[in-house]
Protein backbone atom coordinates (compact mmCIF):
# COMPACT_ATOMS: atom_id res chain seq x y z
CA UNK A 1 15.90 11.83 31.15
CA UNK A 2 15.59 11.74 27.28
CA UNK A 3 12.55 9.93 25.88
CA UNK A 4 13.14 6.91 23.89
CA UNK A 5 12.83 7.03 20.09
CA UNK A 6 9.68 5.32 18.94
CA UNK A 7 10.13 1.99 17.20
CA UNK A 8 7.98 1.54 14.08
CA UNK A 9 7.08 -1.63 12.22
CA UNK A 10 7.77 -0.09 8.89
CA UNK A 11 7.08 2.97 6.56
CA UNK A 12 4.82 3.58 3.57
CA UNK A 13 6.05 5.20 0.33
CA UNK A 14 4.57 6.63 -2.76
CA UNK A 15 7.90 6.10 -4.66
CA UNK A 16 11.36 4.72 -4.56
CA UNK A 17 14.92 5.51 -6.02
CA UNK A 18 15.25 3.27 -9.18
CA UNK A 19 18.45 2.02 -10.81
CA UNK A 20 20.71 4.88 -11.77
CA UNK A 21 19.71 6.90 -8.72
CA UNK A 22 16.53 8.01 -10.41
CA UNK A 23 13.40 8.81 -8.51
CA UNK A 24 10.40 6.63 -9.58
CA UNK A 25 6.75 7.24 -8.78
CA UNK A 26 4.59 4.20 -8.02
CA UNK A 27 0.90 3.38 -8.74
CA UNK A 28 0.53 1.57 -5.50
CA UNK A 29 1.86 1.77 -2.02
CA UNK A 30 5.42 0.59 -1.21
CA UNK A 31 6.21 -0.63 2.31
CA UNK A 32 9.67 -0.96 3.75
CA UNK A 33 10.58 -2.65 6.99
CA UNK A 34 13.55 -4.42 8.78
CA UNK A 35 11.36 -7.34 10.01
CA UNK A 36 11.14 -10.32 7.65
CA UNK A 37 7.87 -11.58 9.31
CA UNK A 38 6.21 -8.11 9.00
CA UNK A 39 7.17 -7.91 5.35
CA UNK A 40 5.78 -11.32 4.66
CA UNK A 41 2.46 -10.39 6.45
CA UNK A 42 2.15 -7.11 4.34
CA UNK A 43 2.67 -9.17 1.23
CA UNK A 44 -0.05 -11.68 2.31
CA UNK A 45 -2.56 -8.90 3.28
CA UNK A 46 -1.94 -6.39 0.39
CA UNK A 47 -0.50 -8.42 -2.44
CA UNK A 48 2.79 -7.74 -3.99
CA UNK A 49 6.13 -9.66 -3.28
CA UNK A 50 8.71 -9.39 -0.71
CA UNK A 51 12.12 -8.54 -1.86
CA UNK A 52 15.35 -6.99 -0.66
CA UNK A 53 15.06 -3.12 -0.48
CA UNK A 54 16.34 -1.88 -3.61
CA UNK A 55 15.03 1.62 -3.28
CA UNK A 56 15.91 4.55 -0.84
CA UNK A 57 16.35 4.03 2.78
CA UNK A 58 18.22 1.72 5.09
CA UNK A 59 15.32 -0.80 5.78
CA UNK A 60 16.12 -4.32 4.68
CA UNK A 61 12.88 -5.30 2.96
CA UNK A 62 10.34 -3.86 0.66
CA UNK A 63 6.93 -4.86 -0.70
CA UNK A 64 5.39 -3.22 -3.75
CA UNK A 65 1.85 -3.90 -2.80
CA UNK A 66 -1.13 -4.35 -5.05
CA UNK A 67 -3.19 -1.58 -3.30
CA UNK A 68 -3.69 2.04 -4.15
CA UNK A 69 -5.75 2.35 -0.85
CA UNK A 70 -5.16 0.61 2.42
CA UNK A 71 -7.52 0.60 5.43
CA UNK A 72 -5.72 2.05 8.70
CA UNK A 73 -6.20 2.93 12.31
CA UNK A 74 -5.30 6.51 13.54
CA UNK A 75 -5.31 7.28 17.06
CA UNK A 76 -6.81 10.78 17.00
CA UNK A 77 -5.25 14.06 16.02
CA UNK A 78 -1.90 13.15 17.81
CA UNK A 79 -1.46 10.64 14.88
CA UNK A 80 -0.66 13.66 12.62
CA UNK A 81 2.54 15.79 12.95
CA UNK A 82 3.16 18.89 10.88
CA UNK A 83 5.80 21.50 10.91
CA UNK A 84 7.33 24.04 8.32
CA UNK A 85 10.96 23.55 7.71
CA UNK A 86 13.43 25.57 5.58
CA UNK A 87 16.86 24.02 4.88
CA UNK A 88 20.16 25.44 3.61
CA UNK A 89 23.66 24.13 2.79
CA UNK A 90 24.34 24.63 6.40
CA UNK A 91 21.33 22.73 7.77
CA UNK A 92 18.00 23.78 9.12
CA UNK A 93 17.66 27.48 9.28
CA UNK A 94 13.85 27.75 10.02
CA UNK A 95 11.38 25.46 11.92
CA UNK A 96 7.75 26.40 12.84
CA UNK A 97 4.13 25.38 12.95
CA UNK A 98 2.99 28.19 10.69
CA UNK A 99 2.48 30.54 13.62
CA UNK A 100 5.40 30.24 16.14
CA UNK A 101 9.01 29.03 16.00
CA UNK A 102 9.56 25.39 17.19
CA UNK A 103 13.38 25.68 17.15
CA UNK A 104 15.98 26.74 18.11
CA UNK A 105 15.44 27.05 21.69
CA UNK A 106 16.22 30.83 21.92
CA UNK A 107 13.29 31.67 19.64
CA UNK A 108 10.93 28.82 20.36
CA UNK A 109 7.48 30.10 20.90
CA UNK A 110 7.95 33.41 19.05
CA UNK A 111 6.06 34.47 16.08
CA UNK A 112 7.61 33.00 12.95
CA UNK A 113 6.23 35.58 10.50
CA UNK A 114 5.03 33.14 8.01
CA UNK A 115 1.87 34.17 5.87
CA UNK A 116 -1.48 32.94 7.03
CA UNK A 117 -2.58 31.72 3.62
CA UNK A 118 -1.16 28.37 2.17
CA UNK A 119 -0.95 29.80 -1.15
CA UNK A 120 1.29 32.67 0.01
CA UNK A 121 3.49 30.11 2.04
CA UNK A 122 3.86 28.03 -1.04
CA UNK A 123 4.98 31.05 -3.22
CA UNK A 124 7.71 31.98 -0.74
CA UNK A 125 8.90 28.44 -0.55
CA UNK A 126 9.04 28.20 -4.39
CA UNK A 127 11.25 31.28 -4.28
CA UNK A 128 13.59 29.63 -1.68
CA UNK A 129 12.59 32.21 1.09
CA UNK A 130 10.10 30.18 3.05
CA UNK A 131 9.80 26.83 4.70
CA UNK A 132 7.95 23.80 3.25
CA UNK A 133 5.53 21.48 4.92
CA UNK A 134 6.99 18.29 6.73
CA UNK A 135 4.01 16.05 7.55
CA UNK A 136 4.18 12.79 9.42
CA UNK A 137 1.38 10.24 9.70
CA UNK A 138 1.32 7.34 12.24
CA UNK A 139 -1.10 4.56 11.92
CA UNK A 140 -1.78 0.83 12.33
CA UNK A 141 -3.21 -1.53 9.83
CA UNK A 142 -6.83 -2.42 10.47
CA UNK A 143 -6.35 -5.81 8.99
CA UNK A 144 -3.41 -6.35 11.32
CA UNK A 145 -3.11 -3.88 14.15
CA UNK A 146 -0.75 -6.13 16.19
CA UNK A 147 2.02 -5.58 13.71
CA UNK A 148 2.65 -2.35 15.23
CA UNK A 149 2.66 1.36 14.03
CA UNK A 150 3.72 2.52 10.54
CA UNK A 151 4.82 5.91 9.31
CA UNK A 152 4.39 7.99 6.39
CA UNK A 153 6.16 11.22 5.41
CA UNK A 154 5.15 13.79 2.91
CA UNK A 155 5.90 17.38 1.83
CA UNK A 156 2.58 17.76 -0.05
CA UNK A 157 1.11 21.18 0.05
CA UNK A 158 -2.49 19.82 -0.64
CA UNK A 159 -2.02 17.47 2.42
CA UNK A 160 -0.89 20.45 4.49
CA UNK A 161 -3.99 22.40 3.37
CA UNK A 162 -6.35 19.70 4.43
CA UNK A 163 -4.68 19.08 7.92
CA UNK A 164 -6.96 21.14 10.10
CA UNK A 165 -9.93 19.26 8.63
CA UNK A 166 -8.44 15.98 9.06
CA UNK A 167 -7.58 16.75 12.74
CA UNK A 168 -11.21 17.70 13.41
CA UNK A 169 -12.50 14.65 11.79
CA UNK A 170 -10.17 12.39 13.84
CA UNK A 171 -11.00 14.04 17.02
CA UNK A 172 -14.71 13.70 16.34
CA UNK A 173 -14.47 9.91 16.28
CA UNK A 174 -13.37 9.95 20.09
CA UNK A 175 -10.92 7.06 19.86
CA UNK A 176 -9.11 5.00 17.09
CA UNK A 177 -10.51 6.11 13.71
CA UNK A 178 -10.75 3.86 10.69
CA UNK A 179 -9.52 5.66 7.71
CA UNK A 180 -8.87 4.79 3.96
CA UNK A 181 -5.26 5.83 3.09
CA UNK A 182 -5.00 6.32 -0.65
CA UNK A 183 -2.33 7.31 -3.21
CA UNK A 184 -4.80 9.09 -5.44
CA UNK A 185 -4.15 9.70 -9.20
CA UNK A 186 -4.56 13.42 -10.15
CA UNK A 187 -4.61 14.45 -13.86
CA UNK A 188 -4.62 18.10 -15.03
CA UNK A 189 -3.44 20.32 -17.89
CA UNK A 190 -0.72 22.78 -17.34
CA UNK A 191 -0.81 26.34 -18.70
CA UNK A 192 1.36 25.21 -21.47
CA UNK A 193 -1.18 22.78 -22.58
CA UNK A 194 0.86 19.66 -21.53
CA UNK A 195 -0.97 17.04 -19.75
CA UNK A 196 0.34 16.36 -16.08
CA UNK A 197 -0.48 13.28 -13.88
CA UNK A 198 0.75 12.79 -10.29
CA UNK A 199 -0.42 11.04 -7.05
CA UNK A 200 -1.20 12.65 -3.79
CA UNK A 201 -1.63 11.12 -0.37
CA UNK A 202 -5.38 11.31 0.79
CA UNK A 203 -6.67 10.15 4.29
CA UNK A 204 -10.42 9.62 4.36
CA UNK A 205 -11.84 9.19 7.80
CA UNK A 206 -14.62 6.57 7.82
CA UNK A 207 -15.60 6.17 11.47
CA UNK A 208 -15.08 3.93 14.55
CA UNK A 209 -13.85 0.22 14.26
CA UNK A 210 -17.35 -1.10 15.30
CA UNK A 211 -19.13 0.74 12.45
CA UNK A 212 -16.75 0.13 9.48
CA UNK A 213 -16.26 -3.21 7.80
CA UNK A 214 -12.77 -4.67 7.10
CA UNK A 215 -11.28 -4.03 3.65
CA UNK A 216 -11.76 -6.69 1.06
CA UNK A 217 -8.73 -8.90 0.02
CA UNK A 218 -6.63 -7.40 -2.96
CA UNK A 219 -7.58 -8.54 -6.37
CA UNK A 220 -4.84 -10.82 -7.76
CA UNK A 221 -3.31 -8.92 -10.65
CA UNK A 222 -3.04 -10.50 -14.17
CA UNK A 223 0.60 -9.70 -14.33
CA UNK A 224 3.27 -9.84 -11.58
CA UNK A 225 3.39 -6.67 -9.45
CA UNK A 226 7.21 -6.53 -9.72
CA UNK A 227 8.63 -6.15 -13.28
CA UNK A 228 11.34 -8.41 -14.30
CA UNK A 229 14.73 -7.00 -15.12
CA UNK A 230 17.53 -8.72 -17.04
CA UNK A 231 19.41 -9.48 -13.88
CA UNK A 232 16.33 -10.97 -12.28
CA UNK A 233 16.07 -14.79 -12.56
CA UNK A 234 12.96 -15.57 -14.33
CA UNK A 235 10.36 -18.30 -13.09
CA UNK A 236 9.99 -21.05 -15.67
CA UNK A 237 6.50 -21.05 -17.23
CA UNK A 238 4.46 -24.12 -16.78
CA UNK A 239 3.52 -26.11 -19.83
CA UNK A 240 -0.18 -27.12 -20.11
CA UNK A 241 -0.56 -30.76 -19.05
CA UNK A 242 -0.61 -33.38 -21.93
CA UNK A 243 -4.07 -34.98 -22.54
CA UNK A 244 -4.54 -38.14 -20.74
CA UNK A 245 -5.07 -41.18 -22.95
CA UNK A 246 -8.55 -42.63 -22.74
CA UNK A 247 -7.38 -45.89 -21.31
CA UNK A 248 -5.12 -44.44 -18.66
CA UNK A 249 -6.27 -44.46 -15.16
CA UNK A 250 -6.43 -41.04 -13.44
CA UNK A 251 -3.79 -40.53 -10.81
CA UNK A 252 -5.97 -38.05 -8.88
CA UNK A 253 -9.57 -36.71 -8.74
CA UNK A 254 -10.94 -33.18 -8.15
CA UNK A 255 -14.24 -32.79 -6.41
CA UNK A 256 -15.66 -29.27 -7.00
CA UNK A 257 -18.21 -28.20 -4.27
CA UNK A 258 -20.03 -25.25 -5.78
CA UNK A 259 -21.76 -24.29 -2.68
CA UNK A 260 -18.54 -24.08 -0.70
CA UNK A 261 -16.93 -22.04 -3.37
CA UNK A 262 -19.89 -19.60 -3.39
CA UNK A 263 -19.61 -19.28 0.40
CA UNK A 264 -15.84 -18.56 -0.05
CA UNK A 265 -16.43 -16.00 -2.61
CA UNK A 266 -18.72 -13.94 -0.42
CA UNK A 267 -16.22 -14.13 2.38
CA UNK A 268 -13.16 -13.15 0.16
CA UNK A 269 -15.19 -10.66 -2.06
CA UNK A 270 -14.17 -12.44 -5.29
CA UNK A 271 -16.47 -12.63 -8.44
CA UNK A 272 -15.48 -16.06 -9.86
CA UNK A 273 -14.51 -19.50 -8.63
CA UNK A 274 -11.03 -19.14 -10.27
CA UNK A 275 -10.51 -15.83 -8.35
CA UNK A 276 -11.80 -17.44 -5.21
CA UNK A 277 -9.22 -20.29 -5.38
CA UNK A 278 -6.33 -17.94 -6.24
CA UNK A 279 -7.45 -15.64 -3.24
CA UNK A 280 -7.47 -18.53 -0.93
CA UNK A 281 -4.15 -19.70 -2.18
CA UNK A 282 -2.77 -16.06 -1.65
CA UNK A 283 -3.90 -16.06 1.90
CA UNK A 284 -2.25 -19.41 2.41
CA UNK A 285 1.23 -18.08 1.35
CA UNK A 286 2.99 -17.41 4.51
CA UNK A 287 6.68 -17.10 3.51
CA UNK A 288 8.74 -15.60 0.74
CA UNK A 289 9.59 -19.00 -0.72
CA UNK A 290 5.69 -19.83 -1.27
CA UNK A 291 4.98 -16.24 -2.43
CA UNK A 292 7.34 -16.52 -5.46
CA UNK A 293 5.25 -19.61 -6.58
CA UNK A 294 2.05 -17.52 -7.04
CA UNK A 295 2.39 -17.27 -10.74
CA UNK A 296 2.80 -21.04 -11.10
CA UNK A 297 -0.09 -21.68 -8.89
CA UNK A 298 -2.23 -19.27 -10.94
CA UNK A 299 -1.51 -21.11 -14.08
CA UNK A 300 -2.23 -24.44 -12.36
CA UNK A 301 -5.66 -23.09 -11.27
CA UNK A 302 -6.47 -21.91 -14.78
CA UNK A 303 -5.65 -25.46 -16.12
CA UNK A 304 -7.62 -26.96 -13.44
CA UNK A 305 -10.55 -24.72 -14.19
CA UNK A 306 -10.48 -25.43 -17.84
CA UNK A 307 -10.37 -29.23 -17.31
CA UNK A 308 -13.13 -29.11 -14.71
CA UNK A 309 -15.43 -27.05 -17.26
CA UNK A 310 -14.82 -29.51 -20.13
CA UNK A 311 -15.56 -32.43 -17.78
CA UNK A 312 -18.84 -30.80 -16.65
CA UNK A 313 -19.89 -30.05 -20.09
CA UNK A 314 -19.20 -33.63 -21.37
CA UNK A 315 -21.17 -34.94 -18.20
CA UNK A 316 -24.16 -32.59 -19.20
CA UNK A 317 -24.08 -33.78 -22.86
CA UNK A 318 -24.12 -37.58 -22.03
CA UNK A 319 -27.32 -39.65 -22.27
CA UNK A 320 -29.28 -40.03 -19.06
């Protein structure tokens, strides 16, 4: 009996295929999924905007999140799969775990002959004579484990070098391990003197779920996460409200409870009342239709904050 293929909620990416079939590196995590509800939940938890998948892959939706780091749950060393693969124009010609062959069946289990040191393996792969790492991570989101398992694939040699240590750290937790999964920026200078920058995937094991606090909500960016293109329909900008005549009766009133705002700020991890209101509005957005209104809501909140501040100052300066 053939085991069934696992079904995953989605996949994390460090890049995408942009217009013109060009690879594009990203500063934050990109998530793809076929489930619209999962996509909306990801956008709600980690910022960004749900949209049709315009990058590589066959999944229907993508979210360019606002996070460089996401807190995840990994179920021990089995959550990490690693192998070494060499491809040719005719297909896969070498697959091993660095010590023995994994395929084809007639050589499975026999010594593969790969060097012991990662640097030597990397040198052979660069010459096209040796396999390269193929690493797969499986995990759930700490903020929403019920969404299911997600995948991440990488061919990073640095990630391959750290795999033994990662397996030991995951095994030491003795159960689901809370980890920070980060797309880390690396800057260096090449031998030619040219500055080079790239991002590498880094998993940091923090401990068991009962010893690690949940991650704070994402900070609301000052600019939209998705860049507008000429073909994308732009959202009209809101104009500031006209001053109300002194004789006009107000159509509504705003009652600001500073104590409640301070409590909400501590719970949401924000640093100002305006950020608190925006974070609360972000968490309230449950659908794509509401998510695209975030910029409009942000401007409304700014106007409300300015009006409230002016009213409070006027009240303080009035005679007792």
